[in-house]
Amino acid sequence: MKVAFKVFFSIVVAAAVVCGFFIWRFEKNPVSENQTELLKVGMSKAEVELLLGPPAKVSNNQDEWTYSQPMSWPIFYVSFDMNGRLVSWELDR
């Protein structure tokens, strides 16, 4: 009986740790608050990439960049005008 309880308890603890990791990982922001504070409307694509790094995805017409972490939801969108200048950004939670 004690062995069965120890095995059951070990499985429950392991499952809780794994679930906790995935919840933490799922909610991790792809761009830090410090980085977003440095974004300014009118920045060039090169300046944005220097600050945030390369995007995870670029739209077909190159006007929207997407930043995300594997297996996580918060997605950060950066939008440019037709001259390649930053016009807006948004964190989708």
C-alpha atoms as a PDB file:
ATOM      1  CA  MET A   1       0.000   0.000   0.000  1.00  0.00           C
ATOM      2  CA  LYS A   2       2.800   2.440   0.889  1.00  0.00           C
ATOM      3  CA  VAL A   3       4.638   1.695  -2.355  1.00  0.00           C
ATOM      4  CA  ALA A   4       1.498   2.299  -4.428  1.00  0.00           C
ATOM      5  CA  PHE A   5       0.925   5.630  -2.654  1.00  0.00           C
ATOM      6  CA  LYS A   6       4.535   6.713  -3.240  1.00  0.00           C
ATOM      7  CA  VAL A   7       4.264   5.866  -6.945  1.00  0.00           C
ATOM      8  CA  PHE A   8       0.934   7.682  -7.235  1.00  0.00           C
ATOM      9  CA  PHE A   9       2.270  10.709  -5.352  1.00  0.00           C
ATOM     10  CA  SER A  10       5.405  10.803  -7.541  1.00  0.00           C
ATOM     11  CA  ILE A  11       3.290  10.744 -10.691  1.00  0.00           C
ATOM     12  CA  VAL A  12       1.067  13.570  -9.412  1.00  0.00           C
ATOM     13  CA  VAL A  13       4.083  15.719  -8.480  1.00  0.00           C
ATOM     14  CA  ALA A  14       5.770  15.076 -11.834  1.00  0.00           C
ATOM     15  CA  ALA A  15       2.562  15.963 -13.696  1.00  0.00           C
ATOM     16  CA  ALA A  16       2.221  19.194 -11.702  1.00  0.00           C
ATOM     17  CA  VAL A  17       5.808  20.200 -12.483  1.00  0.00           C
ATOM     18  CA  VAL A  18       5.352  19.505 -16.196  1.00  0.00           C
ATOM     19  CA  CYS A  19       2.053  21.430 -16.295  1.00  0.00           C
ATOM     20  CA  GLY A  20       3.612  24.338 -14.415  1.00  0.00           C
ATOM     21  CA  PHE A  21       6.484  24.488 -16.897  1.00  0.00           C
ATOM     22  CA  PHE A  22       4.151  24.566 -19.883  1.00  0.00           C
ATOM     23  CA  ILE A  23       1.942  27.244 -18.327  1.00  0.00           C
ATOM     24  CA  TRP A  24       5.027  29.367 -17.590  1.00  0.00           C
ATOM     25  CA  ARG A  25       6.426  28.771 -21.067  1.00  0.00           C
ATOM     26  CA  PHE A  26       3.076  29.401 -22.747  1.00  0.00           C
ATOM     27  CA  GLU A  27       2.801  32.878 -21.226  1.00  0.00           C
ATOM     28  CA  LYS A  28       6.355  34.064 -21.894  1.00  0.00           C
ATOM     29  CA  ASN A  29       6.473  37.330 -23.854  1.00  0.00           C
ATOM     30  CA  PRO A  30       8.568  37.231 -27.028  1.00  0.00           C
ATOM     31  CA  VAL A  31       9.688  40.862 -26.572  1.00  0.00           C
ATOM     32  CA  SER A  32      10.675  42.415 -23.254  1.00  0.00           C
ATOM     33  CA  GLU A  33       9.027  45.513 -21.810  1.00  0.00           C
ATOM     34  CA  ASN A  34      12.394  47.299 -22.006  1.00  0.00           C
ATOM     35  CA  GLN A  35      12.558  46.612 -25.732  1.00  0.00           C
ATOM     36  CA  THR A  36       9.034  47.901 -26.382  1.00  0.00           C
ATOM     37  CA  GLU A  37       9.797  51.108 -24.475  1.00  0.00           C
ATOM     38  CA  LEU A  38      12.605  51.801 -26.957  1.00  0.00           C
ATOM     39  CA  LEU A  39      10.385  51.427 -30.042  1.00  0.00           C
ATOM     40  CA  LYS A  40       9.555  54.733 -31.725  1.00  0.00           C
ATOM     41  CA  VAL A  41       7.175  55.446 -34.598  1.00  0.00           C
ATOM     42  CA  GLY A  42       9.215  56.152 -37.725  1.00  0.00           C
ATOM     43  CA  MET A  43      12.052  53.713 -36.993  1.00  0.00           C
ATOM     44  CA  SER A  44      13.390  51.843 -40.018  1.00  0.00           C
ATOM     45  CA  LYS A  45      13.104  48.081 -40.386  1.00  0.00           C
ATOM     46  CA  ALA A  46      16.856  47.815 -39.777  1.00  0.00           C
ATOM     47  CA  GLU A  47      16.538  49.757 -36.499  1.00  0.00           C
ATOM     48  CA  VAL A  48      13.638  47.583 -35.341  1.00  0.00           C
ATOM     49  CA  GLU A  49      15.528  44.406 -36.196  1.00  0.00           C
ATOM     50  CA  LEU A  50      18.613  45.682 -34.369  1.00  0.00           C
ATOM     51  CA  LEU A  51      16.475  46.296 -31.270  1.00  0.00           C
ATOM     52  CA  LEU A  52      14.187  43.235 -31.340  1.00  0.00           C
ATOM     53  CA  GLY A  53      16.200  40.753 -33.389  1.00  0.00           C
ATOM     54  CA  PRO A  54      14.956  38.941 -36.473  1.00  0.00           C
ATOM     55  CA  PRO A  55      11.207  38.288 -36.584  1.00  0.00           C
ATOM     56  CA  ALA A  56       9.765  34.793 -36.404  1.00  0.00           C
ATOM     57  CA  LYS A  57       7.556  35.552 -39.410  1.00  0.00           C
ATOM     58  CA  VAL A  58       7.246  38.275 -42.040  1.00  0.00           C
ATOM     59  CA  SER A  59       4.018  38.910 -43.957  1.00  0.00           C
ATOM     60  CA  ASN A  60       3.963  38.439 -47.740  1.00  0.00           C
ATOM     61  CA  ASN A  61       4.047  42.177 -48.433  1.00  0.00           C
ATOM     62  CA  GLN A  62       6.742  42.732 -45.764  1.00  0.00           C
ATOM     63  CA  ASP A  63       4.606  45.236 -43.809  1.00  0.00           C
ATOM     64  CA  GLU A  64       4.008  43.146 -40.684  1.00  0.00           C
ATOM     65  CA  TRP A  65       6.550  41.283 -38.612  1.00  0.00           C
ATOM     66  CA  THR A  66       5.596  38.718 -36.003  1.00  0.00           C
ATOM     67  CA  TYR A  67       7.627  37.864 -32.916  1.00  0.00           C
ATOM     68  CA  SER A  68       6.767  34.756 -30.926  1.00  0.00           C
ATOM     69  CA  GLN A  69       8.346  32.017 -28.847  1.00  0.00           C
ATOM     70  CA  PRO A  70       7.895  28.334 -29.723  1.00  0.00           C
ATOM     71  CA  MET A  71       4.921  26.807 -27.921  1.00  0.00           C
ATOM     72  CA  SER A  72       3.777  30.093 -26.392  1.00  0.00           C
ATOM     73  CA  TRP A  73       0.822  32.355 -27.010  1.00  0.00           C
ATOM     74  CA  PRO A  74       1.819  35.962 -26.513  1.00  0.00           C
ATOM     75  CA  ILE A  75       2.561  37.221 -30.010  1.00  0.00           C
ATOM     76  CA  PHE A  76       4.108  40.608 -30.717  1.00  0.00           C
ATOM     77  CA  TYR A  77       3.193  42.316 -33.992  1.00  0.00           C
ATOM     78  CA  VAL A  78       5.166  45.136 -35.582  1.00  0.00           C
ATOM     79  CA  SER A  79       3.671  47.043 -38.547  1.00  0.00           C
ATOM     80  CA  PHE A  80       5.429  49.202 -41.123  1.00  0.00           C
ATOM     81  CA  ASP A  81       4.181  51.672 -43.717  1.00  0.00           C
ATOM     82  CA  MET A  82       4.942  51.359 -47.439  1.00  0.00           C
ATOM     83  CA  ASN A  83       8.240  53.202 -46.901  1.00  0.00           C
ATOM     84  CA  GLY A  84       9.404  50.614 -44.372  1.00  0.00           C
ATOM     85  CA  ARG A  85       8.904  52.857 -41.344  1.00  0.00           C
ATOM     86  CA  LEU A  86       7.440  51.641 -38.052  1.00  0.00           C
ATOM     87  CA  VAL A  87       3.829  52.725 -37.567  1.00  0.00           C
ATOM     88  CA  SER A  88       2.541  50.501 -34.737  1.00  0.00           C
ATOM     89  CA  TRP A  89       3.148  47.501 -32.499  1.00  0.00           C
ATOM     90  CA  GLU A  90       0.920  45.318 -30.372  1.00  0.00           C
ATOM     91  CA  LEU A  91       1.226  42.449 -27.916  1.00  0.00           C
ATOM     92  CA  ASP A  92      -1.556  39.908 -28.414  1.00  0.00           C
ATOM     93  CA  ARG A  93      -2.145  38.018 -25.198  1.00  0.00           C
END
